[in-house]
Amino acid sequence: ISKLSGFYEIVERSDFPKDENVASLVFLYG
């Protein structure tokens, strides 16, 4: 749970890349 929260904390930051490929992987793994 701690690592999953950390994962979302990083990917939801404004400076994290937001292209379509990254978005699909965030959806998939998350």
Full PDB file with SEQRES, HELIX, SHEET, SSBOND, CRYST1, ORIGX, SCALE, CONECT and MASTER records, all heavy atoms in Angstrom:
SEQRES   1 A   30  ILE SER LYS LEU SER GLY PHE TYR GLU ILE VAL GLU ARG          
SEQRES   2 A   30  SER ASP PHE PRO LYS ASP GLU ASN VAL ALA SER LEU VAL          
SEQRES   3 A   30  PHE LEU TYR GLY                                              
HELIX    1 AA1 SER A    2  VAL A   11  1                                  10    
HELIX    2 AA2 GLU A   20  TYR A   29  1                                  10    
CRYST1    1.000    1.000    1.000  90.00  90.00  90.00 P 1           1          
ORIGX1      1.000000  0.000000  0.000000        0.00000                         
ORIGX2      0.000000  1.000000  0.000000        0.00000                         
ORIGX3      0.000000  0.000000  1.000000        0.00000                         
SCALE1      1.000000  0.000000  0.000000        0.00000                         
SCALE2      0.000000  1.000000  0.000000        0.00000                         
SCALE3      0.000000  0.000000  1.000000        0.00000                         
ATOM      1  N   ILE A   1       0.838  -1.206   0.000  1.00  0.00           N  
ATOM      2  CA  ILE A   1       0.000   0.000   0.000  1.00  0.00           C  
ATOM      3  C   ILE A   1       0.870   1.251   0.000  1.00  0.00           C  
ATOM      4  O   ILE A   1       0.593   2.233  -0.699  1.00  0.00           O  
ATOM      5  CB  ILE A   1      -0.955   0.011   1.217  1.00  0.00           C  
ATOM      6  CG1 ILE A   1      -1.946  -1.161   1.138  1.00  0.00           C  
ATOM      7  CG2 ILE A   1      -1.690   1.334   1.310  1.00  0.00           C  
ATOM      8  CD1 ILE A   1      -2.875  -1.109  -0.062  1.00  0.00           C  
ATOM      9  N   SER A   2       1.954   1.204   0.778  1.00  0.00           N  
ATOM     10  CA  SER A   2       2.870   2.341   0.859  1.00  0.00           C  
ATOM     11  C   SER A   2       3.516   2.630  -0.500  1.00  0.00           C  
ATOM     12  O   SER A   2       3.584   3.786  -0.935  1.00  0.00           O  
ATOM     13  CB  SER A   2       3.948   2.060   1.906  1.00  0.00           C  
ATOM     14  OG  SER A   2       4.960   3.037   1.863  1.00  0.00           O  
ATOM     15  N   LYS A   3       3.977   1.576  -1.173  1.00  0.00           N  
ATOM     16  CA  LYS A   3       4.632   1.746  -2.480  1.00  0.00           C  
ATOM     17  C   LYS A   3       3.627   2.154  -3.560  1.00  0.00           C  
ATOM     18  O   LYS A   3       3.956   2.921  -4.461  1.00  0.00           O  
ATOM     19  CB  LYS A   3       5.340   0.454  -2.897  1.00  0.00           C  
ATOM     20  CG  LYS A   3       6.515   0.062  -2.008  1.00  0.00           C  
ATOM     21  CD  LYS A   3       7.628   1.089  -2.060  1.00  0.00           C  
ATOM     22  CE  LYS A   3       8.819   0.683  -1.199  1.00  0.00           C  
ATOM     23  NZ  LYS A   3       9.874   1.724  -1.167  1.00  0.00           N  
ATOM     24  N   LEU A   4       2.392   1.634  -3.471  1.00  0.00           N  
ATOM     25  CA  LEU A   4       1.355   2.010  -4.438  1.00  0.00           C  
ATOM     26  C   LEU A   4       1.004   3.499  -4.278  1.00  0.00           C  
ATOM     27  O   LEU A   4       0.839   4.219  -5.270  1.00  0.00           O  
ATOM     28  CB  LEU A   4       0.105   1.148  -4.241  1.00  0.00           C  
ATOM     29  CG  LEU A   4      -1.037   1.352  -5.252  1.00  0.00           C  
ATOM     30  CD1 LEU A   4      -0.575   1.096  -6.676  1.00  0.00           C  
ATOM     31  CD2 LEU A   4      -2.219   0.435  -4.915  1.00  0.00           C  
ATOM     32  N   SER A   5       0.922   3.966  -3.041  1.00  0.00           N  
ATOM     33  CA  SER A   5       0.665   5.391  -2.784  1.00  0.00           C  
ATOM     34  C   SER A   5       1.810   6.241  -3.311  1.00  0.00           C  
ATOM     35  O   SER A   5       1.590   7.302  -3.911  1.00  0.00           O  
ATOM     36  CB  SER A   5       0.488   5.646  -1.279  1.00  0.00           C  
ATOM     37  OG  SER A   5      -0.611   4.939  -0.782  1.00  0.00           O  
ATOM     38  N   GLY A   6       3.050   5.769  -3.093  1.00  0.00           N  
ATOM     39  CA  GLY A   6       4.230   6.482  -3.590  1.00  0.00           C  
ATOM     40  C   GLY A   6       4.259   6.567  -5.102  1.00  0.00           C  
ATOM     41  O   GLY A   6       4.652   7.587  -5.679  1.00  0.00           O  
ATOM     42  N   PHE A   7       3.796   5.482  -5.736  1.00  0.00           N  
ATOM     43  CA  PHE A   7       3.709   5.426  -7.199  1.00  0.00           C  
ATOM     44  C   PHE A   7       2.789   6.532  -7.712  1.00  0.00           C  
ATOM     45  O   PHE A   7       3.153   7.315  -8.601  1.00  0.00           O  
ATOM     46  CB  PHE A   7       3.184   4.045  -7.599  1.00  0.00           C  
ATOM     47  CG  PHE A   7       2.778   3.909  -9.044  1.00  0.00           C  
ATOM     48  CD1 PHE A   7       3.730   3.690 -10.029  1.00  0.00           C  
ATOM     49  CD2 PHE A   7       1.440   3.979  -9.423  1.00  0.00           C  
ATOM     50  CE1 PHE A   7       3.362   3.549 -11.362  1.00  0.00           C  
ATOM     51  CE2 PHE A   7       1.059   3.843 -10.740  1.00  0.00           C  
ATOM     52  CZ  PHE A   7       2.024   3.629 -11.715  1.00  0.00           C  
ATOM     53  N   TYR A   8       1.586   6.635  -7.138  1.00  0.00           N  
ATOM     54  CA  TYR A   8       0.623   7.656  -7.578  1.00  0.00           C  
ATOM     55  C   TYR A   8       1.088   9.070  -7.207  1.00  0.00           C  
ATOM     56  O   TYR A   8       0.810  10.031  -7.943  1.00  0.00           O  
ATOM     57  CB  TYR A   8      -0.760   7.369  -7.008  1.00  0.00           C  
ATOM     58  CG  TYR A   8      -1.534   6.385  -7.852  1.00  0.00           C  
ATOM     59  CD1 TYR A   8      -1.743   5.079  -7.429  1.00  0.00           C  
ATOM     60  CD2 TYR A   8      -2.027   6.762  -9.102  1.00  0.00           C  
ATOM     61  CE1 TYR A   8      -2.441   4.169  -8.219  1.00  0.00           C  
ATOM     62  CE2 TYR A   8      -2.719   5.862  -9.901  1.00  0.00           C  
ATOM     63  CZ  TYR A   8      -2.923   4.572  -9.457  1.00  0.00           C  
ATOM     64  OH  TYR A   8      -3.600   3.674 -10.254  1.00  0.00           O  
ATOM     65  N   GLU A   9       1.796   9.170  -6.105  1.00  0.00           N  
ATOM     66  CA  GLU A   9       2.302  10.489  -5.690  1.00  0.00           C  
ATOM     67  C   GLU A   9       3.248  11.060  -6.751  1.00  0.00           C  
ATOM     68  O   GLU A   9       3.197  12.251  -7.073  1.00  0.00           O  
ATOM     69  CB  GLU A   9       3.036  10.334  -4.344  1.00  0.00           C  
ATOM     70  CG  GLU A   9       3.407  11.647  -3.692  1.00  0.00           C  
ATOM     71  CD  GLU A   9       4.095  11.441  -2.345  1.00  0.00           C  
ATOM     72  OE1 GLU A   9       3.594  10.612  -1.540  1.00  0.00           O  
ATOM     73  OE2 GLU A   9       5.126  12.073  -2.117  1.00  0.00           O  
ATOM     74  N   ILE A  10       4.095  10.186  -7.317  1.00  0.00           N  
ATOM     75  CA  ILE A  10       5.052  10.628  -8.346  1.00  0.00           C  
ATOM     76  C   ILE A  10       4.351  10.907  -9.666  1.00  0.00           C  
ATOM     77  O   ILE A  10       4.555  11.953 -10.289  1.00  0.00           O  
ATOM     78  CB  ILE A  10       6.166   9.581  -8.554  1.00  0.00           C  
ATOM     79  CG1 ILE A  10       7.037   9.450  -7.300  1.00  0.00           C  
ATOM     80  CG2 ILE A  10       7.027   9.935  -9.769  1.00  0.00           C  
ATOM     81  CD1 ILE A  10       7.937  10.631  -7.028  1.00  0.00           C  
ATOM     82  N   VAL A  11       3.513   9.959 -10.135  1.00  0.00           N  
ATOM     83  CA  VAL A  11       2.918  10.100 -11.477  1.00  0.00           C  
ATOM     84  C   VAL A  11       1.901  11.236 -11.552  1.00  0.00           C  
ATOM     85  O   VAL A  11       1.594  11.723 -12.641  1.00  0.00           O  
ATOM     86  CB  VAL A  11       2.276   8.780 -11.969  1.00  0.00           C  
ATOM     87  CG1 VAL A  11       3.309   7.661 -12.019  1.00  0.00           C  
ATOM     88  CG2 VAL A  11       1.082   8.372 -11.112  1.00  0.00           C  
ATOM     89  N   GLU A  12       1.389  11.664 -10.404  1.00  0.00           N  
ATOM     90  CA  GLU A  12       0.422  12.760 -10.407  1.00  0.00           C  
ATOM     91  C   GLU A  12       1.077  14.134 -10.233  1.00  0.00           C  
ATOM     92  O   GLU A  12       0.384  15.157 -10.253  1.00  0.00           O  
ATOM     93  CB  GLU A  12      -0.625  12.528  -9.302  1.00  0.00           C  
ATOM     94  CG  GLU A  12      -1.590  11.385  -9.642  1.00  0.00           C  
ATOM     95  CD  GLU A  12      -2.481  10.976  -8.486  1.00  0.00           C  
ATOM     96  OE1 GLU A  12      -2.356  11.611  -7.400  1.00  0.00           O  
ATOM     97  OE2 GLU A  12      -3.279  10.041  -8.646  1.00  0.00           O  
ATOM     98  N   ARG A  13       2.409  14.150 -10.111  1.00  0.00           N  
ATOM     99  CA  ARG A  13       3.111  15.427 -10.012  1.00  0.00           C  
ATOM    100  C   ARG A  13       3.060  16.176 -11.337  1.00  0.00           C  
ATOM    101  O   ARG A  13       3.045  15.556 -12.401  1.00  0.00           O  
ATOM    102  CB  ARG A  13       4.574  15.197  -9.612  1.00  0.00           C  
ATOM    103  CG  ARG A  13       4.759  14.972  -8.144  1.00  0.00           C  
ATOM    104  CD  ARG A  13       6.173  14.876  -7.655  1.00  0.00           C  
ATOM    105  NE  ARG A  13       7.217  14.844  -8.656  1.00  0.00           N  
ATOM    106  CZ  ARG A  13       8.460  14.439  -8.392  1.00  0.00           C  
ATOM    107  NH1 ARG A  13       8.781  14.030  -7.175  1.00  0.00           N  
ATOM    108  NH2 ARG A  13       9.368  14.436  -9.337  1.00  0.00           N  
ATOM    109  N   SER A  14       3.063  17.497 -11.287  1.00  0.00           N  
ATOM    110  CA  SER A  14       2.944  18.313 -12.503  1.00  0.00           C  
ATOM    111  C   SER A  14       4.144  18.135 -13.432  1.00  0.00           C  
ATOM    112  O   SER A  14       4.026  18.301 -14.647  1.00  0.00           O  
ATOM    113  CB  SER A  14       2.793  19.793 -12.130  1.00  0.00           C  
ATOM    114  OG  SER A  14       3.910  20.222 -11.361  1.00  0.00           O  
ATOM    115  N   ASP A  15       5.324  17.792 -12.870  1.00  0.00           N  
ATOM    116  CA  ASP A  15       6.517  17.671 -13.711  1.00  0.00           C  
ATOM    117  C   ASP A  15       6.716  16.258 -14.259  1.00  0.00           C  
ATOM    118  O   ASP A  15       7.696  16.002 -14.967  1.00  0.00           O  
ATOM    119  CB  ASP A  15       7.768  18.103 -12.933  1.00  0.00           C  
ATOM    120  CG  ASP A  15       8.009  17.248 -11.681  1.00  0.00           C  
ATOM    121  OD1 ASP A  15       7.055  16.575 -11.225  1.00  0.00           O  
ATOM    122  OD2 ASP A  15       9.138  17.252 -11.160  1.00  0.00           O  
ATOM    123  N   PHE A  16       5.780  15.344 -13.961  1.00  0.00           N  
ATOM    124  CA  PHE A  16       5.905  13.990 -14.506  1.00  0.00           C  
ATOM    125  C   PHE A  16       5.340  13.988 -15.928  1.00  0.00           C  
ATOM    126  O   PHE A  16       4.283  14.576 -16.175  1.00  0.00           O  
ATOM    127  CB  PHE A  16       5.144  12.980 -13.636  1.00  0.00           C  
ATOM    128  CG  PHE A  16       5.459  11.542 -13.966  1.00  0.00           C  
ATOM    129  CD1 PHE A  16       6.623  10.963 -13.498  1.00  0.00           C  
ATOM    130  CD2 PHE A  16       4.610  10.786 -14.762  1.00  0.00           C  
ATOM    131  CE1 PHE A  16       6.942   9.642 -13.792  1.00  0.00           C  
ATOM    132  CE2 PHE A  16       4.908   9.475 -15.078  1.00  0.00           C  
ATOM    133  CZ  PHE A  16       6.085   8.898 -14.589  1.00  0.00           C  
ATOM    134  N   PRO A  17       6.038  13.348 -16.896  1.00  0.00           N  
ATOM    135  CA  PRO A  17       5.572  13.343 -18.297  1.00  0.00           C  
ATOM    136  C   PRO A  17       4.137  12.848 -18.417  1.00  0.00           C  
ATOM    137  O   PRO A  17       3.723  11.932 -17.714  1.00  0.00           O  
ATOM    138  CB  PRO A  17       6.554  12.387 -18.986  1.00  0.00           C  
ATOM    139  CG  PRO A  17       7.785  12.446 -18.158  1.00  0.00           C  
ATOM    140  CD  PRO A  17       7.315  12.633 -16.748  1.00  0.00           C  
ATOM    141  N   LYS A  18       3.387  13.440 -19.342  1.00  0.00           N  
ATOM    142  CA  LYS A  18       1.963  13.128 -19.465  1.00  0.00           C  
ATOM    143  C   LYS A  18       1.566  12.692 -20.883  1.00  0.00           C  
ATOM    144  O   LYS A  18       0.438  12.929 -21.292  1.00  0.00           O  
ATOM    145  CB  LYS A  18       1.118  14.358 -19.078  1.00  0.00           C  
ATOM    146  CG  LYS A  18       1.283  14.839 -17.641  1.00  0.00           C  
ATOM    147  CD  LYS A  18       0.671  13.880 -16.643  1.00  0.00           C  
ATOM    148  CE  LYS A  18       0.598  14.439 -15.235  1.00  0.00           C  
ATOM    149  NZ  LYS A  18       1.869  14.686 -14.585  1.00  0.00           N  
ATOM    150  N   ASP A  19       2.465  12.086 -21.642  1.00  0.00           N  
ATOM    151  CA  ASP A  19       2.081  11.682 -22.999  1.00  0.00           C  
ATOM    152  C   ASP A  19       1.185  10.436 -22.971  1.00  0.00           C  
ATOM    153  O   ASP A  19       0.976   9.824 -21.928  1.00  0.00           O  
ATOM    154  CB  ASP A  19       3.307  11.469 -23.901  1.00  0.00           C  
ATOM    155  CG  ASP A  19       4.212  10.336 -23.428  1.00  0.00           C  
ATOM    156  OD1 ASP A  19       3.681   9.270 -23.061  1.00  0.00           O  
ATOM    157  OD2 ASP A  19       5.446  10.494 -23.450  1.00  0.00           O  
ATOM    158  N   GLU A  20       0.658  10.066 -24.161  1.00  0.00           N  
ATOM    159  CA  GLU A  20      -0.330   8.973 -24.248  1.00  0.00           C  
ATOM    160  C   GLU A  20       0.247   7.637 -23.804  1.00  0.00           C  
ATOM    161  O   GLU A  20      -0.432   6.829 -23.152  1.00  0.00           O  
ATOM    162  CB  GLU A  20      -0.864   8.845 -25.683  1.00  0.00           C  
ATOM    163  CG  GLU A  20      -1.764   9.989 -26.118  1.00  0.00           C  
ATOM    164  CD  GLU A  20      -0.991  11.089 -26.840  1.00  0.00           C  
ATOM    165  OE1 GLU A  20       0.220  11.237 -26.567  1.00  0.00           O  
ATOM    166  OE2 GLU A  20      -1.578  11.785 -27.670  1.00  0.00           O  
ATOM    167  N   ASN A  21       1.507   7.389 -24.160  1.00  0.00           N  
ATOM    168  CA  ASN A  21       2.143   6.128 -23.787  1.00  0.00           C  
ATOM    169  C   ASN A  21       2.260   6.012 -22.269  1.00  0.00           C  
ATOM    170  O   ASN A  21       1.929   4.985 -21.674  1.00  0.00           O  
ATOM    171  CB  ASN A  21       3.528   6.024 -24.436  1.00  0.00           C  
ATOM    172  CG  ASN A  21       4.222   4.713 -24.130  1.00  0.00           C  
ATOM    173  OD1 ASN A  21       3.619   3.653 -24.209  1.00  0.00           O  
ATOM    174  ND2 ASN A  21       5.486   4.783 -23.768  1.00  0.00           N  
ATOM    175  N   VAL A  22       2.723   7.084 -21.642  1.00  0.00           N  
ATOM    176  CA  VAL A  22       2.866   7.117 -20.180  1.00  0.00           C  
ATOM    177  C   VAL A  22       1.495   6.963 -19.516  1.00  0.00           C  
ATOM    178  O   VAL A  22       1.338   6.200 -18.559  1.00  0.00           O  
ATOM    179  CB  VAL A  22       3.556   8.424 -19.732  1.00  0.00           C  
ATOM    180  CG1 VAL A  22       3.435   8.616 -18.227  1.00  0.00           C  
ATOM    181  CG2 VAL A  22       5.023   8.419 -20.142  1.00  0.00           C  
ATOM    182  N   ALA A  23       0.491   7.661 -20.048  1.00  0.00           N  
ATOM    183  CA  ALA A  23      -0.860   7.590 -19.474  1.00  0.00           C  
ATOM    184  C   ALA A  23      -1.412   6.170 -19.518  1.00  0.00           C  
ATOM    185  O   ALA A  23      -2.037   5.700 -18.556  1.00  0.00           O  
ATOM    186  CB  ALA A  23      -1.795   8.542 -20.228  1.00  0.00           C  
ATOM    187  N   SER A  24      -1.171   5.462 -20.632  1.00  0.00           N  
ATOM    188  CA  SER A  24      -1.683   4.090 -20.751  1.00  0.00           C  
ATOM    189  C   SER A  24      -0.978   3.155 -19.770  1.00  0.00           C  
ATOM    190  O   SER A  24      -1.596   2.257 -19.204  1.00  0.00           O  
ATOM    191  CB  SER A  24      -1.535   3.575 -22.191  1.00  0.00           C  
ATOM    192  OG  SER A  24      -0.186   3.480 -22.562  1.00  0.00           O  
ATOM    193  N   LEU A  25       0.326   3.387 -19.537  1.00  0.00           N  
ATOM    194  CA  LEU A  25       1.073   2.545 -18.589  1.00  0.00           C  
ATOM    195  C   LEU A  25       0.655   2.834 -17.150  1.00  0.00           C  
ATOM    196  O   LEU A  25       0.559   1.916 -16.327  1.00  0.00           O  
ATOM    197  CB  LEU A  25       2.576   2.755 -18.756  1.00  0.00           C  
ATOM    198  CG  LEU A  25       3.193   2.203 -20.046  1.00  0.00           C  
ATOM    199  CD1 LEU A  25       4.668   2.549 -20.135  1.00  0.00           C  
ATOM    200  CD2 LEU A  25       3.009   0.687 -20.143  1.00  0.00           C  
ATOM    201  N   VAL A  26       0.407   4.097 -16.848  1.00  0.00           N  
ATOM    202  CA  VAL A  26      -0.081   4.449 -15.499  1.00  0.00           C  
ATOM    203  C   VAL A  26      -1.424   3.769 -15.247  1.00  0.00           C  
ATOM    204  O   VAL A  26      -1.669   3.208 -14.173  1.00  0.00           O  
ATOM    205  CB  VAL A  26      -0.209   5.983 -15.339  1.00  0.00           C  
ATOM    206  CG1 VAL A  26      -0.954   6.328 -14.051  1.00  0.00           C  
ATOM    207  CG2 VAL A  26       1.172   6.638 -15.331  1.00  0.00           C  
ATOM    208  N   PHE A  27      -2.297   3.800 -16.265  1.00  0.00           N  
ATOM    209  CA  PHE A  27      -3.590   3.105 -16.149  1.00  0.00           C  
ATOM    210  C   PHE A  27      -3.381   1.610 -15.937  1.00  0.00           C  
ATOM    211  O   PHE A  27      -3.970   1.002 -15.045  1.00  0.00           O  
ATOM    212  CB  PHE A  27      -4.420   3.332 -17.422  1.00  0.00           C  
ATOM    213  CG  PHE A  27      -5.517   2.318 -17.604  1.00  0.00           C  
ATOM    214  CD1 PHE A  27      -6.694   2.395 -16.869  1.00  0.00           C  
ATOM    215  CD2 PHE A  27      -5.362   1.259 -18.490  1.00  0.00           C  
ATOM    216  CE1 PHE A  27      -7.692   1.433 -17.011  1.00  0.00           C  
ATOM    217  CE2 PHE A  27      -6.352   0.300 -18.648  1.00  0.00           C  
ATOM    218  CZ  PHE A  27      -7.524   0.392 -17.904  1.00  0.00           C  
ATOM    219  N   LEU A  28      -2.520   1.015 -16.766  1.00  0.00           N  
ATOM    220  CA  LEU A  28      -2.296  -0.429 -16.738  1.00  0.00           C  
ATOM    221  C   LEU A  28      -1.737  -0.884 -15.396  1.00  0.00           C  
ATOM    222  O   LEU A  28      -2.336  -1.723 -14.711  1.00  0.00           O  
ATOM    223  CB  LEU A  28      -1.331  -0.795 -17.869  1.00  0.00           C  
ATOM    224  CG  LEU A  28      -1.092  -2.271 -18.149  1.00  0.00           C  
ATOM    225  CD1 LEU A  28      -2.319  -2.916 -18.747  1.00  0.00           C  
ATOM    226  CD2 LEU A  28       0.094  -2.433 -19.107  1.00  0.00           C  
ATOM    227  N   TYR A  29      -0.598  -0.332 -15.009  1.00  0.00           N  
ATOM    228  CA  TYR A  29       0.058  -0.775 -13.780  1.00  0.00           C  
ATOM    229  C   TYR A  29      -0.726  -0.367 -12.537  1.00  0.00           C  
ATOM    230  O   TYR A  29      -0.867  -1.164 -11.595  1.00  0.00           O  
ATOM    231  CB  TYR A  29       1.483  -0.202 -13.709  1.00  0.00           C  
ATOM    232  CG  TYR A  29       2.375  -0.615 -14.847  1.00  0.00           C  
ATOM    233  CD1 TYR A  29       3.383   0.224 -15.317  1.00  0.00           C  
ATOM    234  CD2 TYR A  29       2.210  -1.852 -15.474  1.00  0.00           C  
ATOM    235  CE1 TYR A  29       4.207  -0.160 -16.368  1.00  0.00           C  
ATOM    236  CE2 TYR A  29       3.025  -2.236 -16.522  1.00  0.00           C  
ATOM    237  CZ  TYR A  29       4.028  -1.389 -16.976  1.00  0.00           C  
ATOM    238  OH  TYR A  29       4.844  -1.761 -18.013  1.00  0.00           O  
ATOM    239  N   GLY A  30      -1.235   0.857 -12.534  1.00  0.00           N  
ATOM    240  CA  GLY A  30      -1.994   1.322 -11.368  1.00  0.00           C  
ATOM    241  C   GLY A  30      -3.191   0.441 -11.085  1.00  0.00           C  
ATOM    242  O   GLY A  30      -3.423   0.037  -9.941  1.00  0.00           O  
TER     243      GLY A  30                                                      
MASTER        0    0    0    2    0    0    0    6  242    1    0    3          
END                                                                             
